[in-house]
N, C-alpha and C. Protein backbone atom coordinates (compact mmCIF):
# COMPACT_ATOMS: atom_id res chain seq x y z
N UNK A 1 16.76 -8.28 -53.75
CA UNK A 1 15.73 -7.58 -52.99
C UNK A 1 15.18 -8.49 -51.89
N UNK A 2 14.91 -9.73 -52.23
CA UNK A 2 14.37 -10.68 -51.26
C UNK A 2 15.41 -10.96 -50.16
N UNK A 3 16.67 -10.98 -50.55
CA UNK A 3 17.75 -11.24 -49.60
C UNK A 3 17.86 -10.10 -48.58
N UNK A 4 17.70 -8.86 -49.00
CA UNK A 4 17.75 -7.70 -48.11
C UNK A 4 16.58 -7.74 -47.13
N UNK A 5 15.42 -8.09 -47.62
CA UNK A 5 14.23 -8.19 -46.78
C UNK A 5 14.40 -9.29 -45.73
N UNK A 6 14.95 -10.42 -46.15
CA UNK A 6 15.18 -11.53 -45.23
C UNK A 6 16.21 -11.16 -44.16
N UNK A 7 17.26 -10.45 -44.56
CA UNK A 7 18.29 -10.00 -43.61
C UNK A 7 17.69 -9.01 -42.60
N UNK A 8 16.88 -8.09 -43.06
CA UNK A 8 16.24 -7.11 -42.16
C UNK A 8 15.31 -7.81 -41.19
N UNK A 9 14.57 -8.81 -41.67
CA UNK A 9 13.66 -9.57 -40.82
C UNK A 9 14.44 -10.34 -39.76
N UNK A 10 15.58 -10.89 -40.14
CA UNK A 10 16.42 -11.62 -39.19
C UNK A 10 16.96 -10.69 -38.11
N UNK A 11 17.37 -9.47 -38.49
CA UNK A 11 17.85 -8.49 -37.51
C UNK A 11 16.73 -8.09 -36.55
N UNK A 12 15.55 -7.87 -37.06
CA UNK A 12 14.41 -7.51 -36.20
C UNK A 12 14.08 -8.63 -35.22
N UNK A 13 14.14 -9.87 -35.69
CA UNK A 13 13.87 -11.01 -34.81
C UNK A 13 14.93 -11.10 -33.71
N UNK A 14 16.19 -10.85 -34.07
CA UNK A 14 17.28 -10.86 -33.09
C UNK A 14 17.09 -9.77 -32.05
N UNK A 15 16.72 -8.58 -32.48
CA UNK A 15 16.47 -7.49 -31.53
C UNK A 15 15.29 -7.79 -30.62
N UNK A 16 14.25 -8.39 -31.16
CA UNK A 16 13.07 -8.71 -30.36
C UNK A 16 13.42 -9.70 -29.26
N UNK A 17 14.34 -10.61 -29.53
CA UNK A 17 14.75 -11.58 -28.52
C UNK A 17 15.73 -10.95 -27.53
N UNK A 18 16.61 -10.07 -28.01
CA UNK A 18 17.68 -9.52 -27.19
C UNK A 18 17.20 -8.43 -26.22
N UNK A 19 16.19 -7.65 -26.59
CA UNK A 19 15.77 -6.54 -25.73
C UNK A 19 15.30 -6.99 -24.34
N UNK A 20 14.48 -8.02 -24.21
CA UNK A 20 14.12 -8.46 -22.86
C UNK A 20 15.32 -8.90 -22.03
N UNK A 21 16.32 -9.46 -22.66
CA UNK A 21 17.53 -9.88 -21.94
C UNK A 21 18.23 -8.66 -21.35
N UNK A 22 18.32 -7.57 -22.12
CA UNK A 22 18.94 -6.35 -21.60
C UNK A 22 18.12 -5.76 -20.47
N UNK A 23 16.82 -5.83 -20.57
CA UNK A 23 15.95 -5.30 -19.52
C UNK A 23 16.14 -6.09 -18.23
N UNK A 24 16.24 -7.41 -18.35
CA UNK A 24 16.45 -8.24 -17.16
C UNK A 24 17.81 -7.99 -16.55
N UNK A 25 18.80 -7.72 -17.36
CA UNK A 25 20.13 -7.42 -16.83
C UNK A 25 20.10 -6.16 -15.99
N UNK A 26 19.32 -5.17 -16.40
CA UNK A 26 19.18 -3.94 -15.62
C UNK A 26 18.49 -4.19 -14.29
N UNK A 27 17.53 -5.10 -14.28
CA UNK A 27 16.83 -5.42 -13.04
C UNK A 27 17.77 -6.12 -12.06
N UNK A 28 18.65 -6.94 -12.56
CA UNK A 28 19.56 -7.65 -11.68
C UNK A 28 20.51 -6.70 -10.95
N UNK A 29 20.93 -5.63 -11.61
CA UNK A 29 21.81 -4.69 -10.93
C UNK A 29 21.03 -3.92 -9.86
N UNK A 30 19.74 -3.67 -10.11
CA UNK A 30 18.92 -3.00 -9.09
C UNK A 30 18.65 -3.92 -7.91
N UNK A 31 18.66 -5.22 -8.14
CA UNK A 31 18.33 -6.18 -7.09
C UNK A 31 19.52 -6.48 -6.18
N UNK A 32 20.63 -5.82 -6.40
CA UNK A 32 21.80 -6.05 -5.55
C UNK A 32 21.45 -5.71 -4.11
N UNK A 33 21.87 -6.54 -3.17
CA UNK A 33 21.53 -6.29 -1.77
C UNK A 33 22.16 -4.99 -1.26
N UNK A 34 21.44 -4.34 -0.39
CA UNK A 34 21.92 -3.09 0.19
C UNK A 34 23.01 -3.40 1.22
N UNK A 35 24.01 -2.57 1.26
CA UNK A 35 25.09 -2.72 2.23
C UNK A 35 25.00 -1.54 3.19
N UNK A 36 24.84 -1.85 4.47
CA UNK A 36 24.68 -0.81 5.48
C UNK A 36 26.01 -0.55 6.17
N UNK A 37 26.20 0.67 6.60
CA UNK A 37 27.45 1.06 7.26
C UNK A 37 27.54 0.50 8.68
N UNK A 38 26.38 0.45 9.37
CA UNK A 38 26.36 -0.07 10.73
C UNK A 38 24.96 -0.57 11.05
N UNK A 39 24.82 -1.17 12.22
CA UNK A 39 23.51 -1.75 12.59
C UNK A 39 22.48 -0.66 12.87
N UNK A 40 22.90 0.51 13.32
CA UNK A 40 21.96 1.61 13.56
C UNK A 40 21.33 2.09 12.27
N UNK A 41 22.14 2.20 11.22
CA UNK A 41 21.62 2.60 9.91
C UNK A 41 20.65 1.55 9.37
N UNK A 42 20.98 0.30 9.57
CA UNK A 42 20.12 -0.79 9.11
C UNK A 42 18.79 -0.79 9.85
N UNK A 43 18.82 -0.60 11.16
CA UNK A 43 17.60 -0.57 11.96
C UNK A 43 16.72 0.60 11.55
N UNK A 44 17.31 1.77 11.40
CA UNK A 44 16.54 2.95 10.98
C UNK A 44 15.93 2.73 9.60
N UNK A 45 16.71 2.16 8.68
CA UNK A 45 16.23 1.89 7.32
C UNK A 45 15.03 0.95 7.35
N UNK A 46 15.12 -0.14 8.11
CA UNK A 46 14.03 -1.11 8.15
C UNK A 46 12.78 -0.51 8.81
N UNK A 47 12.95 0.27 9.85
CA UNK A 47 11.79 0.92 10.48
C UNK A 47 11.12 1.89 9.53
N UNK A 48 11.91 2.62 8.78
CA UNK A 48 11.36 3.61 7.84
C UNK A 48 10.66 2.92 6.66
N UNK A 49 11.26 1.89 6.10
CA UNK A 49 10.65 1.22 4.94
C UNK A 49 9.40 0.44 5.33
N UNK A 50 9.25 0.08 6.59
CA UNK A 50 8.01 -0.56 7.03
C UNK A 50 6.86 0.45 7.12
N UNK A 51 7.18 1.74 7.26
CA UNK A 51 6.16 2.79 7.34
C UNK A 51 5.74 3.30 5.97
N UNK A 52 6.47 2.89 4.93
CA UNK A 52 6.19 3.37 3.58
C UNK A 52 5.57 2.26 2.75
N UNK A 53 4.62 2.63 1.90
CA UNK A 53 3.90 1.68 1.06
C UNK A 53 4.53 1.63 -0.33
N UNK A 54 4.62 0.44 -0.89
CA UNK A 54 5.07 0.30 -2.28
C UNK A 54 4.00 0.93 -3.17
N UNK A 55 4.42 1.78 -4.09
CA UNK A 55 3.45 2.49 -4.93
C UNK A 55 2.85 1.59 -6.00
N UNK A 56 3.42 0.41 -6.20
CA UNK A 56 2.87 -0.52 -7.18
C UNK A 56 2.07 -1.63 -6.52
N UNK A 57 2.60 -2.22 -5.46
CA UNK A 57 1.91 -3.30 -4.74
C UNK A 57 1.11 -2.66 -3.62
N UNK A 58 -0.16 -2.58 -3.77
CA UNK A 58 -0.96 -1.70 -2.93
C UNK A 58 -0.99 -2.06 -1.45
N UNK A 59 -0.83 -3.31 -1.09
CA UNK A 59 -0.90 -3.65 0.32
C UNK A 59 0.39 -4.23 0.86
N UNK A 60 1.51 -3.82 0.30
CA UNK A 60 2.80 -4.25 0.81
C UNK A 60 3.63 -3.04 1.16
N UNK A 61 4.40 -3.21 2.22
CA UNK A 61 5.30 -2.12 2.57
C UNK A 61 6.48 -2.12 1.61
N UNK A 62 7.21 -1.05 1.65
CA UNK A 62 8.41 -0.93 0.82
C UNK A 62 9.42 -2.01 1.19
N UNK A 63 9.44 -2.39 2.45
CA UNK A 63 10.38 -3.41 2.92
C UNK A 63 10.00 -4.80 2.41
N UNK A 64 8.70 -5.07 2.23
CA UNK A 64 8.24 -6.41 1.88
C UNK A 64 8.10 -6.65 0.38
N UNK A 65 8.05 -5.60 -0.41
CA UNK A 65 7.76 -5.73 -1.83
C UNK A 65 8.98 -6.16 -2.64
N UNK A 66 8.73 -6.97 -3.67
CA UNK A 66 9.79 -7.38 -4.59
C UNK A 66 9.67 -6.69 -5.94
N UNK A 67 8.78 -5.72 -6.06
CA UNK A 67 8.61 -5.00 -7.32
C UNK A 67 9.86 -4.18 -7.61
N UNK A 68 10.12 -3.97 -8.88
CA UNK A 68 11.31 -3.22 -9.29
C UNK A 68 11.30 -1.81 -8.73
N UNK A 69 10.13 -1.17 -8.72
CA UNK A 69 10.07 0.20 -8.19
C UNK A 69 10.36 0.21 -6.69
N UNK A 70 9.96 -0.85 -5.98
CA UNK A 70 10.26 -0.93 -4.55
C UNK A 70 11.77 -1.06 -4.32
N UNK A 71 12.42 -1.84 -5.16
CA UNK A 71 13.89 -1.97 -5.06
C UNK A 71 14.55 -0.62 -5.28
N UNK A 72 14.08 0.11 -6.29
CA UNK A 72 14.65 1.42 -6.58
C UNK A 72 14.37 2.41 -5.46
N UNK A 73 13.16 2.36 -4.89
CA UNK A 73 12.83 3.27 -3.80
C UNK A 73 13.62 2.96 -2.54
N UNK A 74 13.89 1.68 -2.29
CA UNK A 74 14.73 1.33 -1.13
C UNK A 74 16.13 1.92 -1.30
N UNK A 75 16.68 1.83 -2.50
CA UNK A 75 18.00 2.44 -2.76
C UNK A 75 17.93 3.96 -2.56
N UNK A 76 16.83 4.55 -3.03
CA UNK A 76 16.68 6.01 -2.89
C UNK A 76 16.54 6.42 -1.43
N UNK A 77 15.79 5.65 -0.65
CA UNK A 77 15.63 5.95 0.78
C UNK A 77 16.99 5.86 1.48
N UNK A 78 17.77 4.84 1.17
CA UNK A 78 19.10 4.72 1.78
C UNK A 78 19.99 5.89 1.38
N UNK A 79 19.92 6.29 0.10
CA UNK A 79 20.71 7.45 -0.33
C UNK A 79 20.30 8.72 0.42
N UNK A 80 19.00 8.92 0.59
CA UNK A 80 18.52 10.11 1.32
C UNK A 80 18.96 10.06 2.78
N UNK A 81 18.95 8.86 3.37
CA UNK A 81 19.42 8.73 4.75
C UNK A 81 20.89 9.11 4.84
N UNK A 82 21.67 8.68 3.89
CA UNK A 82 23.10 8.95 3.90
C UNK A 82 23.42 10.41 3.60
N UNK A 83 22.47 11.13 3.00
CA UNK A 83 22.62 12.56 2.78
C UNK A 83 22.31 13.36 4.05
N UNK A 84 21.90 12.66 5.11
CA UNK A 84 21.62 13.32 6.37
C UNK A 84 20.18 13.76 6.56
N UNK A 85 19.28 13.30 5.69
CA UNK A 85 17.86 13.68 5.80
C UNK A 85 17.22 12.93 6.97
N UNK A 86 16.30 13.61 7.64
CA UNK A 86 15.57 12.96 8.73
C UNK A 86 14.46 12.09 8.14
N UNK A 87 13.85 11.26 8.98
CA UNK A 87 12.75 10.42 8.52
C UNK A 87 11.61 11.27 7.98
N UNK A 88 11.30 12.36 8.66
CA UNK A 88 10.21 13.24 8.22
C UNK A 88 10.53 13.86 6.86
N UNK A 89 11.78 14.25 6.64
CA UNK A 89 12.16 14.83 5.35
C UNK A 89 12.08 13.79 4.22
N UNK A 90 12.46 12.56 4.53
CA UNK A 90 12.38 11.49 3.53
C UNK A 90 10.92 11.22 3.18
N UNK A 91 10.06 11.17 4.20
CA UNK A 91 8.63 10.95 3.96
C UNK A 91 8.04 12.11 3.15
N UNK A 92 8.40 13.33 3.50
CA UNK A 92 7.91 14.49 2.74
C UNK A 92 8.34 14.41 1.28
N UNK A 93 9.57 14.02 1.04
CA UNK A 93 10.08 13.89 -0.33
C UNK A 93 9.27 12.86 -1.11
N UNK A 94 9.02 11.70 -0.50
CA UNK A 94 8.26 10.66 -1.18
C UNK A 94 6.80 11.04 -1.37
N UNK A 95 6.23 11.78 -0.42
CA UNK A 95 4.85 12.25 -0.56
C UNK A 95 4.75 13.25 -1.70
N UNK A 96 5.75 14.11 -1.85
CA UNK A 96 5.75 15.06 -2.97
C UNK A 96 5.80 14.33 -4.30
N UNK A 97 6.54 13.24 -4.37
CA UNK A 97 6.68 12.50 -5.63
C UNK A 97 5.49 11.59 -5.92
N UNK A 98 4.97 10.90 -4.88
CA UNK A 98 3.98 9.85 -5.11
C UNK A 98 2.63 10.12 -4.45
N UNK A 99 2.53 11.15 -3.66
CA UNK A 99 1.27 11.46 -3.00
C UNK A 99 1.17 10.81 -1.63
N UNK A 100 0.11 11.14 -0.95
CA UNK A 100 -0.12 10.68 0.43
C UNK A 100 -0.24 9.15 0.51
N UNK A 101 -0.54 8.52 -0.62
CA UNK A 101 -0.72 7.07 -0.68
C UNK A 101 0.52 6.31 -0.21
N UNK A 102 1.69 6.89 -0.36
CA UNK A 102 2.94 6.21 -0.05
C UNK A 102 3.10 5.98 1.47
N UNK A 103 2.36 6.71 2.28
CA UNK A 103 2.43 6.55 3.74
C UNK A 103 1.39 5.55 4.21
N UNK A 104 1.79 4.62 5.07
CA UNK A 104 0.81 3.69 5.65
C UNK A 104 -0.11 4.41 6.62
N UNK A 105 0.42 5.38 7.35
CA UNK A 105 -0.39 6.20 8.25
C UNK A 105 -0.42 7.61 7.70
N UNK A 106 -1.44 7.92 6.88
CA UNK A 106 -1.48 9.27 6.30
C UNK A 106 -1.66 10.33 7.39
N UNK A 107 -1.20 11.52 7.08
CA UNK A 107 -1.30 12.62 8.04
C UNK A 107 -2.75 13.07 8.17
N UNK A 108 -3.09 13.65 9.31
CA UNK A 108 -4.44 14.18 9.53
C UNK A 108 -4.50 15.56 8.91
N UNK A 109 -5.09 15.64 7.72
CA UNK A 109 -5.22 16.89 6.98
C UNK A 109 -6.63 17.00 6.44
N UNK A 110 -6.89 18.08 5.73
CA UNK A 110 -8.20 18.28 5.15
C UNK A 110 -8.61 17.19 4.17
N UNK A 111 -7.64 16.66 3.46
CA UNK A 111 -7.96 15.63 2.47
C UNK A 111 -8.01 14.23 3.06
N UNK A 112 -7.52 14.04 4.29
CA UNK A 112 -7.49 12.69 4.87
C UNK A 112 -8.32 12.57 6.14
N UNK A 113 -9.08 13.59 6.49
CA UNK A 113 -9.83 13.54 7.75
C UNK A 113 -10.84 12.40 7.75
N UNK A 114 -11.41 12.08 6.60
CA UNK A 114 -12.41 11.01 6.54
C UNK A 114 -11.77 9.65 6.83
N UNK A 115 -10.51 9.47 6.47
CA UNK A 115 -9.82 8.22 6.79
C UNK A 115 -9.70 8.01 8.29
N UNK A 116 -9.50 9.10 9.01
CA UNK A 116 -9.31 9.01 10.45
C UNK A 116 -10.62 9.01 11.22
N UNK A 117 -11.58 9.82 10.79
CA UNK A 117 -12.84 9.98 11.52
C UNK A 117 -13.92 9.03 11.00
N UNK A 118 -13.78 8.58 9.76
CA UNK A 118 -14.79 7.73 9.12
C UNK A 118 -15.19 6.49 9.89
N UNK A 119 -14.25 5.68 10.38
CA UNK A 119 -14.65 4.48 11.12
C UNK A 119 -15.48 4.79 12.37
N UNK A 120 -15.12 5.85 13.11
CA UNK A 120 -15.90 6.22 14.29
C UNK A 120 -17.30 6.69 13.89
N UNK A 121 -17.39 7.47 12.81
CA UNK A 121 -18.70 7.92 12.33
C UNK A 121 -19.56 6.74 11.91
N UNK A 122 -18.97 5.79 11.22
CA UNK A 122 -19.70 4.61 10.78
C UNK A 122 -20.18 3.79 11.97
N UNK A 123 -19.37 3.68 13.00
CA UNK A 123 -19.76 2.97 14.21
C UNK A 123 -20.91 3.67 14.91
N UNK A 124 -20.86 5.00 14.99
CA UNK A 124 -21.94 5.76 15.62
C UNK A 124 -23.25 5.64 14.84
N UNK A 125 -23.18 5.70 13.52
CA UNK A 125 -24.38 5.55 12.70
C UNK A 125 -24.98 4.16 12.89
N UNK A 126 -24.14 3.14 12.92
CA UNK A 126 -24.62 1.77 13.15
C UNK A 126 -25.26 1.61 14.51
N UNK A 127 -24.64 2.18 15.53
CA UNK A 127 -25.22 2.09 16.89
C UNK A 127 -26.55 2.84 16.94
N UNK A 128 -26.65 3.98 16.27
CA UNK A 128 -27.91 4.73 16.23
C UNK A 128 -29.00 3.94 15.51
N UNK A 129 -28.65 3.28 14.41
CA UNK A 129 -29.63 2.48 13.68
C UNK A 129 -30.13 1.32 14.52
N UNK A 130 -29.23 0.64 15.21
CA UNK A 130 -29.64 -0.48 16.08
C UNK A 130 -30.53 0.02 17.21
N UNK A 131 -30.18 1.15 17.81
CA UNK A 131 -31.00 1.73 18.89
C UNK A 131 -32.39 2.08 18.38
N UNK A 132 -32.49 2.65 17.19
CA UNK A 132 -33.79 3.02 16.63
C UNK A 132 -34.63 1.78 16.35
N UNK A 133 -34.02 0.72 15.84
CA UNK A 133 -34.77 -0.51 15.56
C UNK A 133 -35.28 -1.13 16.84
N UNK A 134 -34.44 -1.17 17.88
CA UNK A 134 -34.85 -1.76 19.16
C UNK A 134 -35.98 -0.95 19.79
N UNK A 135 -35.92 0.35 19.71
CA UNK A 135 -36.96 1.20 20.31
C UNK A 135 -38.29 1.11 19.57
N UNK A 136 -38.25 0.84 18.27
CA UNK A 136 -39.49 0.73 17.50
C UNK A 136 -40.26 -0.53 17.83
N UNK A 137 -39.58 -1.56 18.25
CA UNK A 137 -40.28 -2.80 18.62
C UNK A 137 -41.12 -2.54 19.85
N UNK A 138 -42.36 -3.01 19.77
CA UNK A 138 -43.26 -2.82 20.91
C UNK A 138 -43.08 -3.98 21.88
N UNK A 139 -42.94 -3.68 23.13
CA UNK A 139 -42.79 -4.77 24.10
C UNK A 139 -44.14 -5.50 24.26
N UNK A 140 -44.07 -6.80 24.51
CA UNK A 140 -45.29 -7.59 24.72
C UNK A 140 -45.92 -7.19 26.05
N UNK A 141 -47.21 -6.84 26.02
CA UNK A 141 -47.90 -6.44 27.25
C UNK A 141 -48.79 -7.56 27.73
N UNK A 142 -48.60 -7.98 28.95
CA UNK A 142 -49.43 -9.04 29.55
C UNK A 142 -49.11 -10.40 28.94
N UNK A 143 -49.80 -11.41 29.47
CA UNK A 143 -49.64 -12.78 28.97
C UNK A 143 -50.75 -13.10 27.99
N UNK A 144 -50.47 -13.90 27.03
CA UNK A 144 -51.47 -14.30 26.03
C UNK A 144 -52.08 -15.60 26.50
N UNK A 145 -53.41 -15.66 26.52
CA UNK A 145 -54.11 -16.88 26.98
C UNK A 145 -54.61 -17.67 25.77
N UNK A 146 -54.56 -19.00 25.91
CA UNK A 146 -55.09 -19.87 24.86
C UNK A 146 -56.61 -19.97 25.00
N UNK A 147 -57.22 -20.58 24.03
CA UNK A 147 -58.67 -20.74 24.07
C UNK A 147 -59.14 -21.58 25.24
N UNK A 148 -58.32 -22.52 25.72
CA UNK A 148 -58.73 -23.40 26.83
C UNK A 148 -58.45 -22.77 28.19
N UNK A 149 -58.00 -21.56 28.21
CA UNK A 149 -57.81 -20.86 29.47
C UNK A 149 -56.45 -21.05 30.08
N UNK A 150 -55.61 -21.85 29.47
CA UNK A 150 -54.28 -22.05 30.02
C UNK A 150 -53.32 -20.99 29.51
N UNK A 151 -52.42 -20.64 30.40
CA UNK A 151 -51.38 -19.70 30.02
C UNK A 151 -50.07 -20.46 29.83
N UNK A 152 -49.39 -20.14 28.83
CA UNK A 152 -48.10 -20.81 28.56
C UNK A 152 -46.98 -19.91 28.80
């Protein structure tokens, strides 16, 4: 009985060590460099991936990210390009899957209008506040004289 338990424990320990190795092997196949058919395809690919955001690394483009999902999305973008999809169709596809967040420049829609108009509104409110503060200050009227009659 003890021997069976020890054997089962040894198998579990072996699996626990082996599973991460298999996971890393899968990542290595995804990390294979992309092969482009021509320089035009490569240029279009790089321009498109610079306009798309990695869904995991919040401030990196798809072209700059080393995350596994970014590698997979780059392969997917290239596949969509080779299927004859336009840049707009590829962006629409990714927006459907991941939301508007995937675009570095979100579209001007009802849900994103504040992103586009917000900075101008904030600037106007700040300028109005500064104007109100300046107008509230009372200007100094006349010169102030000291007790000895001298004006400074």
